[in-house]
Amino acid sequence: MGRRDNSNGKFLLGAMFGASIAGITALLFAPKSGKELREDISKEVDLMVDKASDYTDYAVERSVEMYDAAADATEDIKVNLKKSTDNIKKQFGDLKEDAKDEWNHLKHSVNESGERLAEETEDTKDSLSEFGDVLADETKRVADEVADGTSRVVDEAGDQAEDVADEAKDAYNEVKDAAEDAADKA
């Protein structure tokens, strides 16, 4: 989407520049006195500077909007990740509680097999510990991926904002130089 906005901005800038140059050219060929011609050119230059300033304001506005959108997306991702983590913790707690309840039931029903029961308890504990470790690692991996993606989005939005501001500044300078050249030639 950034490339399309960029080409639209260049088209708009080119159209503004072309219209301004056409206006100045028309003024140069008009049968007027030097003073009237200079006044008309001065007005045209002022109009071009105003248009360039409007384009700069538009570029800054778009940059702020893109930055705000990236910040909002980052916040939404953080909130969703927090909810998911809380939900996983709750499910893990419920699973742990269910395992504990099952263990107590098993302990009472198979009282005579104490040794076998102790081994199964240890296995269940190890499995839950491994599951918890895997779950923690997976949650951290997902959080890191989300943070990396969010960072890239914010960096890209900042880069695009700088590009648009630089283009607006360059266009302003080109229009200003062209106007000064036209005024000098008059």
N, C-alpha and C. Protein backbone atom coordinates (compact mmCIF):
# COMPACT_ATOMS: atom_id res chain seq x y z
N MET A 1 0.82 -1.19 0.00
CA MET A 1 0.00 0.00 0.00
C MET A 1 0.87 1.25 0.00
N GLY A 2 2.08 1.20 0.59
CA GLY A 2 2.97 2.34 0.66
C GLY A 2 3.41 2.80 -0.71
N ARG A 3 3.70 1.87 -1.64
CA ARG A 3 4.15 2.26 -2.97
C ARG A 3 3.06 2.99 -3.73
N ARG A 4 1.84 2.56 -3.59
CA ARG A 4 0.74 3.20 -4.30
C ARG A 4 0.55 4.63 -3.79
N ASP A 5 0.61 4.82 -2.45
CA ASP A 5 0.49 6.16 -1.89
C ASP A 5 1.63 7.04 -2.37
N ASN A 6 2.83 6.48 -2.47
CA ASN A 6 3.99 7.23 -2.89
C ASN A 6 3.84 7.68 -4.34
N SER A 7 3.37 6.80 -5.23
CA SER A 7 3.21 7.19 -6.63
C SER A 7 2.09 8.21 -6.78
N ASN A 8 1.05 8.09 -5.97
CA ASN A 8 -0.02 9.09 -5.99
C ASN A 8 0.52 10.45 -5.56
N GLY A 9 1.39 10.46 -4.57
CA GLY A 9 1.99 11.71 -4.10
C GLY A 9 2.87 12.33 -5.16
N LYS A 10 3.64 11.49 -5.86
CA LYS A 10 4.49 12.01 -6.94
C LYS A 10 3.64 12.57 -8.07
N PHE A 11 2.55 11.89 -8.40
CA PHE A 11 1.67 12.37 -9.46
C PHE A 11 1.09 13.73 -9.07
N LEU A 12 0.61 13.83 -7.82
CA LEU A 12 0.03 15.09 -7.34
C LEU A 12 1.07 16.19 -7.39
N LEU A 13 2.27 15.90 -6.94
CA LEU A 13 3.34 16.89 -6.95
C LEU A 13 3.66 17.30 -8.38
N GLY A 14 3.76 16.34 -9.28
CA GLY A 14 4.05 16.64 -10.69
C GLY A 14 2.95 17.49 -11.31
N ALA A 15 1.70 17.16 -10.99
CA ALA A 15 0.58 17.92 -11.53
C ALA A 15 0.64 19.37 -11.03
N MET A 16 0.91 19.54 -9.74
CA MET A 16 1.00 20.90 -9.19
C MET A 16 2.15 21.67 -9.86
N PHE A 17 3.28 21.03 -9.99
CA PHE A 17 4.45 21.67 -10.59
C PHE A 17 4.17 22.04 -12.05
N GLY A 18 3.58 21.10 -12.79
CA GLY A 18 3.27 21.35 -14.20
C GLY A 18 2.30 22.50 -14.37
N ALA A 19 1.27 22.53 -13.53
CA ALA A 19 0.29 23.61 -13.62
C ALA A 19 0.94 24.97 -13.31
N SER A 20 1.82 24.98 -12.35
CA SER A 20 2.49 26.23 -11.98
C SER A 20 3.39 26.72 -13.10
N ILE A 21 4.17 25.80 -13.68
CA ILE A 21 5.06 26.17 -14.79
C ILE A 21 4.23 26.67 -15.97
N ALA A 22 3.11 26.00 -16.25
CA ALA A 22 2.25 26.43 -17.35
C ALA A 22 1.72 27.84 -17.09
N GLY A 23 1.36 28.12 -15.85
CA GLY A 23 0.86 29.46 -15.51
C GLY A 23 1.93 30.52 -15.70
N ILE A 24 3.15 30.22 -15.27
CA ILE A 24 4.25 31.18 -15.42
C ILE A 24 4.56 31.40 -16.90
N THR A 25 4.58 30.31 -17.66
CA THR A 25 4.85 30.41 -19.11
C THR A 25 3.80 31.28 -19.77
N ALA A 26 2.54 31.09 -19.42
CA ALA A 26 1.47 31.89 -19.99
C ALA A 26 1.67 33.37 -19.65
N LEU A 27 2.12 33.63 -18.43
CA LEU A 27 2.35 35.01 -18.03
C LEU A 27 3.50 35.65 -18.84
N LEU A 28 4.52 34.85 -19.12
CA LEU A 28 5.67 35.38 -19.85
C LEU A 28 5.31 35.77 -21.29
N PHE A 29 4.36 35.09 -21.86
CA PHE A 29 3.96 35.39 -23.24
C PHE A 29 2.81 36.40 -23.32
N ALA A 30 2.32 36.84 -22.19
CA ALA A 30 1.22 37.81 -22.19
C ALA A 30 1.79 39.20 -22.48
N PRO A 31 1.07 40.00 -23.25
CA PRO A 31 1.56 41.36 -23.58
C PRO A 31 1.32 42.31 -22.41
N LYS A 32 2.27 42.33 -21.46
CA LYS A 32 2.14 43.19 -20.29
C LYS A 32 3.45 43.93 -20.07
N SER A 33 3.37 44.97 -19.26
CA SER A 33 4.58 45.71 -18.92
C SER A 33 5.43 44.85 -17.96
N GLY A 34 6.69 45.22 -17.82
CA GLY A 34 7.61 44.49 -16.94
C GLY A 34 7.10 44.45 -15.50
N LYS A 35 6.58 45.56 -15.03
CA LYS A 35 6.10 45.64 -13.66
C LYS A 35 4.90 44.72 -13.46
N GLU A 36 3.95 44.75 -14.40
CA GLU A 36 2.78 43.87 -14.29
C GLU A 36 3.19 42.41 -14.37
N LEU A 37 4.14 42.12 -15.27
CA LEU A 37 4.62 40.75 -15.43
C LEU A 37 5.29 40.26 -14.15
N ARG A 38 6.13 41.11 -13.56
CA ARG A 38 6.79 40.73 -12.30
C ARG A 38 5.76 40.50 -11.19
N GLU A 39 4.75 41.33 -11.12
CA GLU A 39 3.70 41.16 -10.11
C GLU A 39 2.96 39.84 -10.34
N ASP A 40 2.63 39.55 -11.59
CA ASP A 40 1.93 38.30 -11.91
C ASP A 40 2.80 37.08 -11.57
N ILE A 41 4.09 37.19 -11.93
CA ILE A 41 5.00 36.08 -11.62
C ILE A 41 5.13 35.93 -10.11
N SER A 42 5.23 37.01 -9.41
CA SER A 42 5.33 36.97 -7.95
C SER A 42 4.10 36.29 -7.34
N LYS A 43 2.93 36.65 -7.88
CA LYS A 43 1.70 36.01 -7.39
C LYS A 43 1.72 34.51 -7.69
N GLU A 44 2.19 34.15 -8.88
CA GLU A 44 2.24 32.73 -9.27
C GLU A 44 3.23 31.96 -8.38
N VAL A 45 4.37 32.59 -8.06
CA VAL A 45 5.35 31.96 -7.18
C VAL A 45 4.74 31.77 -5.79
N ASP A 46 4.05 32.79 -5.31
CA ASP A 46 3.39 32.67 -4.00
C ASP A 46 2.39 31.52 -4.01
N LEU A 47 1.66 31.38 -5.10
CA LEU A 47 0.68 30.29 -5.22
C LEU A 47 1.40 28.94 -5.21
N MET A 48 2.52 28.84 -5.94
CA MET A 48 3.28 27.58 -5.95
C MET A 48 3.82 27.26 -4.56
N VAL A 49 4.31 28.26 -3.85
CA VAL A 49 4.83 28.04 -2.50
C VAL A 49 3.70 27.57 -1.58
N ASP A 50 2.53 28.18 -1.72
CA ASP A 50 1.37 27.75 -0.92
C ASP A 50 1.01 26.30 -1.22
N LYS A 51 1.02 25.93 -2.50
CA LYS A 51 0.69 24.55 -2.88
C LYS A 51 1.73 23.59 -2.33
N ALA A 52 3.00 23.96 -2.41
CA ALA A 52 4.07 23.10 -1.87
C ALA A 52 3.91 22.97 -0.36
N SER A 53 3.56 24.07 0.30
CA SER A 53 3.35 24.02 1.75
C SER A 53 2.16 23.11 2.09
N ASP A 54 1.09 23.19 1.29
CA ASP A 54 -0.06 22.32 1.50
C ASP A 54 0.33 20.86 1.33
N TYR A 55 1.15 20.59 0.33
CA TYR A 55 1.60 19.20 0.09
C TYR A 55 2.45 18.72 1.27
N THR A 56 3.31 19.60 1.79
CA THR A 56 4.13 19.23 2.95
C THR A 56 3.23 18.93 4.15
N ASP A 57 2.23 19.78 4.37
CA ASP A 57 1.30 19.54 5.48
C ASP A 57 0.58 18.21 5.31
N TYR A 58 0.17 17.92 4.07
CA TYR A 58 -0.50 16.65 3.78
C TYR A 58 0.44 15.48 4.07
N ALA A 59 1.70 15.61 3.66
CA ALA A 59 2.67 14.52 3.88
C ALA A 59 2.88 14.29 5.38
N VAL A 60 3.00 15.36 6.14
CA VAL A 60 3.18 15.22 7.59
C VAL A 60 1.94 14.58 8.21
N GLU A 61 0.78 15.01 7.77
CA GLU A 61 -0.48 14.45 8.29
C GLU A 61 -0.56 12.95 8.02
N ARG A 62 -0.24 12.55 6.79
CA ARG A 62 -0.27 11.13 6.42
C ARG A 62 0.75 10.33 7.26
N SER A 63 1.91 10.91 7.49
CA SER A 63 2.94 10.25 8.28
C SER A 63 2.45 10.02 9.70
N VAL A 64 1.83 11.03 10.27
CA VAL A 64 1.29 10.89 11.63
C VAL A 64 0.20 9.83 11.67
N GLU A 65 -0.66 9.82 10.65
CA GLU A 65 -1.73 8.81 10.59
C GLU A 65 -1.15 7.41 10.51
N MET A 66 -0.11 7.24 9.68
CA MET A 66 0.51 5.91 9.55
C MET A 66 1.17 5.49 10.85
N TYR A 67 1.83 6.44 11.51
CA TYR A 67 2.47 6.12 12.78
C TYR A 67 1.42 5.75 13.83
N ASP A 68 0.34 6.52 13.89
CA ASP A 68 -0.73 6.22 14.85
C ASP A 68 -1.36 4.86 14.58
N ALA A 69 -1.56 4.53 13.31
CA ALA A 69 -2.14 3.22 12.96
C ALA A 69 -1.22 2.10 13.39
N ALA A 70 0.07 2.27 13.18
CA ALA A 70 1.04 1.25 13.61
C ALA A 70 1.04 1.12 15.12
N ALA A 71 0.98 2.25 15.82
CA ALA A 71 0.97 2.21 17.29
C ALA A 71 -0.30 1.52 17.80
N ASP A 72 -1.45 1.83 17.17
CA ASP A 72 -2.70 1.18 17.57
C ASP A 72 -2.64 -0.32 17.33
N ALA A 73 -2.09 -0.72 16.18
CA ALA A 73 -1.97 -2.14 15.86
C ALA A 73 -1.07 -2.83 16.87
N THR A 74 0.01 -2.18 17.25
CA THR A 74 0.92 -2.75 18.24
C THR A 74 0.20 -2.93 19.57
N GLU A 75 -0.55 -1.93 19.97
CA GLU A 75 -1.27 -2.02 21.25
C GLU A 75 -2.30 -3.15 21.20
N ASP A 76 -3.02 -3.27 20.09
CA ASP A 76 -4.00 -4.36 19.95
C ASP A 76 -3.33 -5.73 20.03
N ILE A 77 -2.17 -5.85 19.40
CA ILE A 77 -1.45 -7.12 19.44
C ILE A 77 -1.02 -7.43 20.87
N LYS A 78 -0.53 -6.41 21.58
CA LYS A 78 -0.11 -6.62 22.97
C LYS A 78 -1.29 -7.06 23.83
N VAL A 79 -2.44 -6.40 23.65
CA VAL A 79 -3.63 -6.75 24.44
C VAL A 79 -4.07 -8.18 24.13
N ASN A 80 -4.12 -8.52 22.83
CA ASN A 80 -4.52 -9.88 22.45
C ASN A 80 -3.54 -10.92 22.95
N LEU A 81 -2.26 -10.61 22.90
CA LEU A 81 -1.25 -11.55 23.39
C LEU A 81 -1.39 -11.73 24.90
N LYS A 82 -1.66 -10.64 25.61
CA LYS A 82 -1.85 -10.73 27.07
C LYS A 82 -3.06 -11.60 27.39
N LYS A 83 -4.16 -11.39 26.64
CA LYS A 83 -5.36 -12.20 26.85
C LYS A 83 -5.08 -13.67 26.57
N SER A 84 -4.37 -13.93 25.47
CA SER A 84 -4.06 -15.31 25.11
C SER A 84 -3.18 -15.96 26.18
N THR A 85 -2.21 -15.21 26.66
CA THR A 85 -1.33 -15.74 27.70
C THR A 85 -2.11 -16.02 28.98
N ASP A 86 -2.98 -15.09 29.36
CA ASP A 86 -3.80 -15.31 30.55
C ASP A 86 -4.70 -16.52 30.38
N ASN A 87 -5.27 -16.68 29.20
CA ASN A 87 -6.15 -17.82 28.92
C ASN A 87 -5.36 -19.13 28.99
N ILE A 88 -4.16 -19.14 28.42
CA ILE A 88 -3.33 -20.34 28.46
C ILE A 88 -2.94 -20.66 29.90
N LYS A 89 -2.59 -19.63 30.68
CA LYS A 89 -2.26 -19.86 32.09
C LYS A 89 -3.45 -20.46 32.84
N LYS A 90 -4.65 -19.93 32.56
CA LYS A 90 -5.85 -20.44 33.23
C LYS A 90 -6.08 -21.89 32.83
N GLN A 91 -5.96 -22.17 31.52
CA GLN A 91 -6.16 -23.55 31.06
C GLN A 91 -5.12 -24.48 31.67
N PHE A 92 -3.89 -24.00 31.74
CA PHE A 92 -2.84 -24.81 32.34
C PHE A 92 -3.14 -25.03 33.82
N GLY A 93 -3.60 -23.99 34.51
CA GLY A 93 -3.97 -24.12 35.92
C GLY A 93 -5.12 -25.11 36.09
N ASP A 94 -6.12 -25.02 35.19
CA ASP A 94 -7.24 -25.97 35.24
C ASP A 94 -6.75 -27.39 34.98
N LEU A 95 -5.87 -27.54 34.01
CA LEU A 95 -5.31 -28.85 33.69
C LEU A 95 -4.53 -29.39 34.88
N LYS A 96 -3.75 -28.53 35.49
CA LYS A 96 -2.97 -28.92 36.67
C LYS A 96 -3.91 -29.32 37.80
N GLU A 97 -4.97 -28.55 37.99
CA GLU A 97 -5.95 -28.86 39.05
C GLU A 97 -6.65 -30.19 38.75
N ASP A 98 -7.02 -30.39 37.48
CA ASP A 98 -7.65 -31.66 37.10
C ASP A 98 -6.71 -32.83 37.34
N ALA A 99 -5.44 -32.64 37.00
CA ALA A 99 -4.46 -33.71 37.22
C ALA A 99 -4.31 -34.01 38.71
N LYS A 100 -4.33 -32.97 39.50
CA LYS A 100 -4.22 -33.14 40.95
C LYS A 100 -5.43 -33.91 41.49
N ASP A 101 -6.63 -33.54 41.01
CA ASP A 101 -7.85 -34.24 41.44
C ASP A 101 -7.80 -35.71 41.02
N GLU A 102 -7.35 -35.94 39.80
CA GLU A 102 -7.26 -37.32 39.30
C GLU A 102 -6.27 -38.12 40.14
N TRP A 103 -5.19 -37.48 40.48
CA TRP A 103 -4.19 -38.15 41.31
C TRP A 103 -4.78 -38.57 42.65
N ASN A 104 -5.51 -37.67 43.29
CA ASN A 104 -6.11 -38.01 44.59
C ASN A 104 -7.09 -39.17 44.46
N HIS A 105 -7.88 -39.16 43.41
CA HIS A 105 -8.84 -40.25 43.18
C HIS A 105 -8.09 -41.57 42.96
N LEU A 106 -7.06 -41.52 42.14
CA LEU A 106 -6.27 -42.71 41.86
C LEU A 106 -5.57 -43.22 43.12
N LYS A 107 -5.10 -42.32 43.92
CA LYS A 107 -4.39 -42.67 45.16
C LYS A 107 -5.31 -43.43 46.11
N HIS A 108 -6.56 -42.97 46.23
CA HIS A 108 -7.51 -43.63 47.13
C HIS A 108 -7.97 -44.99 46.61
N SER A 109 -8.13 -45.09 45.30
CA SER A 109 -8.65 -46.34 44.75
C SER A 109 -7.59 -47.43 44.64
N VAL A 110 -6.31 -47.06 44.51
CA VAL A 110 -5.25 -48.05 44.36
C VAL A 110 -4.26 -47.91 45.52
N ASN A 111 -4.73 -47.98 46.68
CA ASN A 111 -3.93 -47.79 47.88
C ASN A 111 -2.85 -48.86 48.02
N GLU A 112 -3.15 -50.11 47.57
CA GLU A 112 -2.21 -51.20 47.76
C GLU A 112 -1.00 -51.10 46.84
N SER A 113 -1.08 -50.42 45.72
CA SER A 113 0.04 -50.35 44.77
C SER A 113 0.81 -49.05 44.97
N GLY A 114 1.35 -48.83 46.08
CA GLY A 114 2.05 -47.59 46.42
C GLY A 114 3.26 -47.31 45.54
N GLU A 115 4.04 -48.33 45.27
CA GLU A 115 5.24 -48.10 44.46
C GLU A 115 4.88 -47.71 43.03
N ARG A 116 3.96 -48.48 42.44
CA ARG A 116 3.54 -48.16 41.07
C ARG A 116 2.91 -46.77 41.01
N LEU A 117 2.15 -46.46 42.02
CA LEU A 117 1.50 -45.15 42.08
C LEU A 117 2.53 -44.03 42.19
N ALA A 118 3.58 -44.22 42.94
CA ALA A 118 4.63 -43.19 43.08
C ALA A 118 5.32 -42.95 41.74
N GLU A 119 5.56 -44.03 40.98
CA GLU A 119 6.18 -43.87 39.67
C GLU A 119 5.27 -43.08 38.72
N GLU A 120 4.00 -43.40 38.74
CA GLU A 120 3.06 -42.68 37.85
C GLU A 120 2.95 -41.20 38.25
N THR A 121 3.04 -40.95 39.53
CA THR A 121 2.98 -39.57 40.00
C THR A 121 4.17 -38.78 39.46
N GLU A 122 5.32 -39.39 39.54
CA GLU A 122 6.53 -38.74 39.06
C GLU A 122 6.45 -38.49 37.55
N ASP A 123 5.94 -39.49 36.81
CA ASP A 123 5.78 -39.33 35.36
C ASP A 123 4.83 -38.19 35.03
N THR A 124 3.71 -38.15 35.74
CA THR A 124 2.72 -37.08 35.50
C THR A 124 3.33 -35.71 35.81
N LYS A 125 4.07 -35.65 36.89
CA LYS A 125 4.71 -34.39 37.28
C LYS A 125 5.71 -33.95 36.20
N ASP A 126 6.53 -34.91 35.73
CA ASP A 126 7.50 -34.59 34.68
C ASP A 126 6.80 -34.14 33.40
N SER A 127 5.73 -34.83 33.03
CA SER A 127 4.98 -34.47 31.82
C SER A 127 4.41 -33.06 31.93
N LEU A 128 3.83 -32.77 33.10
CA LEU A 128 3.27 -31.42 33.29
C LEU A 128 4.38 -30.38 33.27
N SER A 129 5.50 -30.70 33.83
CA SER A 129 6.63 -29.77 33.83
C SER A 129 7.12 -29.55 32.40
N GLU A 130 7.25 -30.64 31.62
CA GLU A 130 7.67 -30.52 30.23
C GLU A 130 6.64 -29.72 29.43
N PHE A 131 5.36 -30.01 29.65
CA PHE A 131 4.30 -29.28 28.95
C PHE A 131 4.37 -27.79 29.29
N GLY A 132 4.58 -27.49 30.55
CA GLY A 132 4.70 -26.09 30.98
C GLY A 132 5.90 -25.42 30.33
N ASP A 133 7.04 -26.13 30.27
CA ASP A 133 8.24 -25.57 29.63
C ASP A 133 7.99 -25.32 28.15
N VAL A 134 7.40 -26.31 27.47
CA VAL A 134 7.11 -26.17 26.04
C VAL A 134 6.14 -25.01 25.83
N LEU A 135 5.12 -24.93 26.67
CA LEU A 135 4.13 -23.87 26.56
C LEU A 135 4.77 -22.51 26.79
N ALA A 136 5.64 -22.40 27.77
CA ALA A 136 6.32 -21.14 28.04
C ALA A 136 7.22 -20.75 26.86
N ASP A 137 7.96 -21.72 26.34
CA ASP A 137 8.84 -21.44 25.19
C ASP A 137 8.04 -21.00 23.98
N GLU A 138 6.93 -21.68 23.71
CA GLU A 138 6.09 -21.35 22.55
C GLU A 138 5.48 -19.95 22.71
N THR A 139 5.02 -19.63 23.91
CA THR A 139 4.45 -18.31 24.16
C THR A 139 5.50 -17.22 23.97
N LYS A 140 6.71 -17.46 24.45
CA LYS A 140 7.80 -16.50 24.27
C LYS A 140 8.13 -16.34 22.79
N ARG A 141 8.19 -17.45 22.04
CA ARG A 141 8.50 -17.39 20.62
C ARG A 141 7.45 -16.55 19.88
N VAL A 142 6.18 -16.80 20.18
CA VAL A 142 5.09 -16.05 19.52
C VAL A 142 5.19 -14.57 19.89
N ALA A 143 5.46 -14.28 21.15
CA ALA A 143 5.59 -12.89 21.59
C ALA A 143 6.75 -12.21 20.88
N ASP A 144 7.87 -12.91 20.72
CA ASP A 144 9.03 -12.33 20.02
C ASP A 144 8.70 -12.06 18.56
N GLU A 145 7.99 -12.99 17.90
CA GLU A 145 7.61 -12.79 16.51
C GLU A 145 6.69 -11.59 16.36
N VAL A 146 5.75 -11.47 17.27
CA VAL A 146 4.82 -10.33 17.22
C VAL A 146 5.58 -9.02 17.45
N ALA A 147 6.48 -9.02 18.40
CA ALA A 147 7.27 -7.82 18.68
C ALA A 147 8.13 -7.45 17.48
N ASP A 148 8.76 -8.44 16.85
CA ASP A 148 9.58 -8.18 15.66
C ASP A 148 8.72 -7.62 14.53
N GLY A 149 7.54 -8.23 14.30
CA GLY A 149 6.65 -7.75 13.24
C GLY A 149 6.18 -6.33 13.50
N THR A 150 5.84 -6.05 14.73
CA THR A 150 5.37 -4.71 15.10
C THR A 150 6.49 -3.69 14.92
N SER A 151 7.68 -4.07 15.32
CA SER A 151 8.82 -3.18 15.17
C SER A 151 9.07 -2.87 13.69
N ARG A 152 8.94 -3.88 12.84
CA ARG A 152 9.14 -3.66 11.40
C ARG A 152 8.07 -2.71 10.87
N VAL A 153 6.82 -2.87 11.31
CA VAL A 153 5.73 -2.01 10.82
C VAL A 153 6.00 -0.56 11.24
N VAL A 154 6.40 -0.36 12.49
CA VAL A 154 6.67 1.00 12.97
C VAL A 154 7.86 1.60 12.23
N ASP A 155 8.93 0.79 12.02
CA ASP A 155 10.09 1.28 11.28
C ASP A 155 9.72 1.65 9.86
N GLU A 156 8.91 0.80 9.20
CA GLU A 156 8.52 1.07 7.82
C GLU A 156 7.67 2.34 7.75
N ALA A 157 6.77 2.51 8.71
CA ALA A 157 5.93 3.72 8.72
C ALA A 157 6.80 4.96 8.90
N GLY A 158 7.79 4.87 9.78
CA GLY A 158 8.70 6.00 9.98
C GLY A 158 9.51 6.29 8.73
N ASP A 159 10.01 5.22 8.07
CA ASP A 159 10.78 5.40 6.83
C ASP A 159 9.93 6.05 5.75
N GLN A 160 8.68 5.58 5.61
CA GLN A 160 7.80 6.15 4.59
C GLN A 160 7.49 7.61 4.91
N ALA A 161 7.33 7.92 6.17
CA ALA A 161 7.05 9.31 6.55
C ALA A 161 8.24 10.20 6.21
N GLU A 162 9.45 9.71 6.46
CA GLU A 162 10.64 10.48 6.12
C GLU A 162 10.75 10.65 4.61
N ASP A 163 10.45 9.58 3.86
CA ASP A 163 10.52 9.65 2.39
C ASP A 163 9.54 10.70 1.86
N VAL A 164 8.32 10.67 2.37
CA VAL A 164 7.31 11.63 1.90
C VAL A 164 7.73 13.06 2.26
N ALA A 165 8.26 13.25 3.46
CA ALA A 165 8.69 14.59 3.86
C ALA A 165 9.86 15.06 2.98
N ASP A 166 10.80 14.14 2.69
CA ASP A 166 11.93 14.50 1.83
C ASP A 166 11.45 14.85 0.43
N GLU A 167 10.51 14.08 -0.10
CA GLU A 167 9.98 14.37 -1.44
C GLU A 167 9.28 15.72 -1.47
N ALA A 168 8.54 16.01 -0.42
CA ALA A 168 7.84 17.29 -0.36
C ALA A 168 8.84 18.45 -0.30
N LYS A 169 9.89 18.27 0.47
CA LYS A 169 10.91 19.30 0.59
C LYS A 169 11.61 19.50 -0.76
N ASP A 170 11.97 18.37 -1.42
CA ASP A 170 12.62 18.45 -2.73
C ASP A 170 11.71 19.15 -3.73
N ALA A 171 10.43 18.79 -3.73
CA ALA A 171 9.49 19.40 -4.66
C ALA A 171 9.36 20.90 -4.39
N TYR A 172 9.30 21.25 -3.13
CA TYR A 172 9.21 22.66 -2.76
C TYR A 172 10.43 23.42 -3.30
N ASN A 173 11.61 22.83 -3.10
CA ASN A 173 12.85 23.49 -3.57
C ASN A 173 12.87 23.58 -5.09
N GLU A 174 12.40 22.55 -5.79
CA GLU A 174 12.36 22.59 -7.25
C GLU A 174 11.42 23.69 -7.73
N VAL A 175 10.26 23.78 -7.11
CA VAL A 175 9.28 24.80 -7.50
C VAL A 175 9.85 26.20 -7.21
N LYS A 176 10.47 26.33 -6.08
CA LYS A 176 11.04 27.62 -5.69
C LYS A 176 12.15 28.02 -6.66
N ASP A 177 13.04 27.05 -6.99
CA ASP A 177 14.13 27.32 -7.93
C ASP A 177 13.59 27.69 -9.30
N ALA A 178 12.57 26.95 -9.77
CA ALA A 178 11.99 27.22 -11.07
C ALA A 178 11.36 28.62 -11.10
N ALA A 179 10.71 28.98 -10.02
CA ALA A 179 10.07 30.28 -9.95
C ALA A 179 11.10 31.39 -9.94
N GLU A 180 12.20 31.17 -9.19
CA GLU A 180 13.24 32.18 -9.15
C GLU A 180 13.93 32.32 -10.53
N ASP A 181 14.15 31.17 -11.19
CA ASP A 181 14.72 31.21 -12.53
C ASP A 181 13.80 31.99 -13.48
N ALA A 182 12.50 31.71 -13.40
CA ALA A 182 11.54 32.39 -14.27
C ALA A 182 11.50 33.89 -13.97
N ALA A 183 11.58 34.23 -12.70
CA ALA A 183 11.56 35.64 -12.32
C ALA A 183 12.85 36.33 -12.78
N ASP A 184 13.97 35.63 -12.68
CA ASP A 184 15.25 36.20 -13.12
C ASP A 184 15.26 36.43 -14.63
N LYS A 185 14.65 35.53 -15.38
CA LYS A 185 14.61 35.63 -16.83
C LYS A 185 13.68 36.75 -17.29
N ALA A 186 12.71 37.08 -16.43
CA ALA A 186 11.75 38.11 -16.80
C ALA A 186 12.40 39.43 -16.64
